[in-house]
Amino acid sequence: MSPVLWLAIAIGSELVATTALKLSDGFRSLGWGAVVVIGYGISFYGLSISLRAIPLGVVYAVWSGIGTAAIVVIGWVLFHEVLDGVKLAGIGLIIIGVAMLNGAGGAAR
């Protein structure tokens, strides 16, 4: 399977795990707590596989950047958290930073 696909799986499972972390209520809900542990496990496994072909800096920038930006949107949609101009600007800067790292570092070794 493609390293980029593994990175996408890592990002998706991290989003599920982070959302479940909010729903777990400090791990008081064991079901959501289990989703957290499993989701992060899958995420780190996907990251490790993607690192076989994609540079570390690029993998981490894409994983954390997309994850952060998406979690802000998920918080806004699911948990009615405030999404103001400062947060939108921050998401824009994350996207610019990830694009710069990808352009400077390339996607493959």
Protein backbone atom coordinates (compact mmCIF):
# COMPACT_ATOMS: atom_id res chain seq x y z
CA MET A 1 0.00 0.00 0.00
CA SER A 2 1.18 3.53 -0.76
CA PRO A 3 2.99 5.49 1.99
CA VAL A 4 0.68 8.42 1.26
CA LEU A 5 -2.32 6.18 1.90
CA TRP A 6 -0.77 5.06 5.20
CA LEU A 7 -0.33 8.72 6.12
CA ALA A 8 -3.99 9.37 5.28
CA ILE A 9 -4.99 6.42 7.49
CA ALA A 10 -2.79 7.84 10.26
CA ILE A 11 -4.47 11.23 9.97
CA GLY A 12 -7.99 9.79 9.87
CA SER A 13 -7.46 7.54 12.87
CA GLU A 14 -5.86 10.42 14.80
CA LEU A 15 -8.94 12.55 14.11
CA VAL A 16 -11.21 9.77 15.36
CA ALA A 17 -9.02 9.24 18.45
CA THR A 18 -8.85 12.94 19.32
CA THR A 19 -12.59 13.37 18.92
CA ALA A 20 -13.13 10.29 21.09
CA LEU A 21 -10.77 11.80 23.67
CA LYS A 22 -13.21 14.69 24.07
CA LEU A 23 -16.15 12.27 24.24
CA SER A 24 -14.40 10.04 26.80
CA ASP A 25 -14.85 12.74 29.47
CA GLY A 26 -11.42 12.23 30.99
CA PHE A 27 -11.58 8.46 30.31
CA ARG A 28 -14.72 8.14 32.44
CA SER A 29 -16.39 6.52 29.42
CA LEU A 30 -14.48 3.29 28.85
CA GLY A 31 -15.94 2.75 25.38
CA TRP A 32 -14.71 6.11 24.11
CA GLY A 33 -11.46 5.55 26.01
CA ALA A 34 -10.93 2.33 24.08
CA VAL A 35 -11.54 4.19 20.81
CA VAL A 36 -8.85 6.68 21.88
CA VAL A 37 -6.24 3.99 22.54
CA ILE A 38 -7.04 1.99 19.40
CA GLY A 39 -7.23 5.11 17.23
CA TYR A 40 -3.87 6.45 18.35
CA GLY A 41 -2.36 2.97 17.97
CA ILE A 42 -3.52 2.78 14.36
CA SER A 43 -2.35 6.34 13.78
CA PHE A 44 1.18 5.73 15.03
CA TYR A 45 1.39 2.48 13.08
CA GLY A 46 0.36 4.32 9.91
CA LEU A 47 2.93 7.01 10.64
CA SER A 48 5.66 4.42 11.09
CA ILE A 49 4.86 2.80 7.75
CA SER A 50 4.70 6.13 5.92
CA LEU A 51 8.14 7.03 7.30
CA ARG A 52 9.66 4.24 5.22
CA ALA A 53 9.33 6.42 2.12
CA ILE A 54 8.47 9.98 3.20
CA PRO A 55 10.86 12.20 5.19
CA LEU A 56 10.13 12.60 8.91
CA GLY A 57 9.66 16.37 8.78
CA VAL A 58 7.16 16.13 5.96
CA VAL A 59 5.21 13.27 7.58
CA TYR A 60 4.97 15.02 10.93
CA ALA A 61 4.10 18.39 9.42
CA VAL A 62 1.31 16.92 7.30
CA TRP A 63 -0.01 14.68 10.11
CA SER A 64 0.00 17.34 12.80
CA GLY A 65 -0.99 20.21 10.52
CA ILE A 66 -3.96 18.54 8.89
CA GLY A 67 -4.91 17.00 12.22
CA THR A 68 -4.85 20.34 14.02
CA ALA A 69 -6.80 22.16 11.33
CA ALA A 70 -9.39 19.38 11.04
CA ILE A 71 -9.85 19.12 14.83
CA VAL A 72 -10.61 22.85 14.99
CA VAL A 73 -13.36 22.31 12.40
CA ILE A 74 -14.61 19.16 14.16
CA GLY A 75 -14.75 21.07 17.45
CA TRP A 76 -16.75 23.79 15.74
CA VAL A 77 -19.20 21.38 14.07
CA LEU A 78 -19.67 18.70 16.75
CA PHE A 79 -19.00 20.56 19.99
CA HIS A 80 -20.09 24.08 18.99
CA GLU A 81 -16.69 25.56 19.86
CA VAL A 82 -15.97 29.08 18.69
CA LEU A 83 -14.36 29.40 15.25
CA ASP A 84 -13.24 33.02 14.96
CA GLY A 85 -10.93 34.93 12.68
CA VAL A 86 -7.84 34.17 14.75
CA LYS A 87 -8.46 30.42 14.52
CA LEU A 88 -9.16 30.65 10.80
CA ALA A 89 -5.93 32.61 10.31
CA GLY A 90 -4.07 29.95 12.32
CA ILE A 91 -5.47 27.21 10.09
CA GLY A 92 -4.34 29.21 7.06
CA LEU A 93 -0.83 29.53 8.48
CA ILE A 94 -0.72 25.78 9.17
CA ILE A 95 -1.68 25.07 5.57
CA ILE A 96 0.97 27.49 4.30
CA GLY A 97 3.60 25.93 6.57
CA VAL A 98 2.80 22.37 5.47
CA ALA A 99 2.90 23.44 1.82
CA MET A 100 6.28 25.12 2.35
CA LEU A 101 7.73 22.04 4.05
CA ASN A 102 6.43 19.79 1.28
CA GLY A 103 7.87 22.09 -1.37
CA ALA A 104 11.25 22.39 0.33
CA GLY A 105 11.61 18.80 1.43
CA GLY A 106 9.92 16.89 -1.34
CA ALA A 107 7.57 14.01 -0.72
CA ALA A 108 10.09 11.22 -1.26
CA ARG A 109 13.67 10.46 -0.31
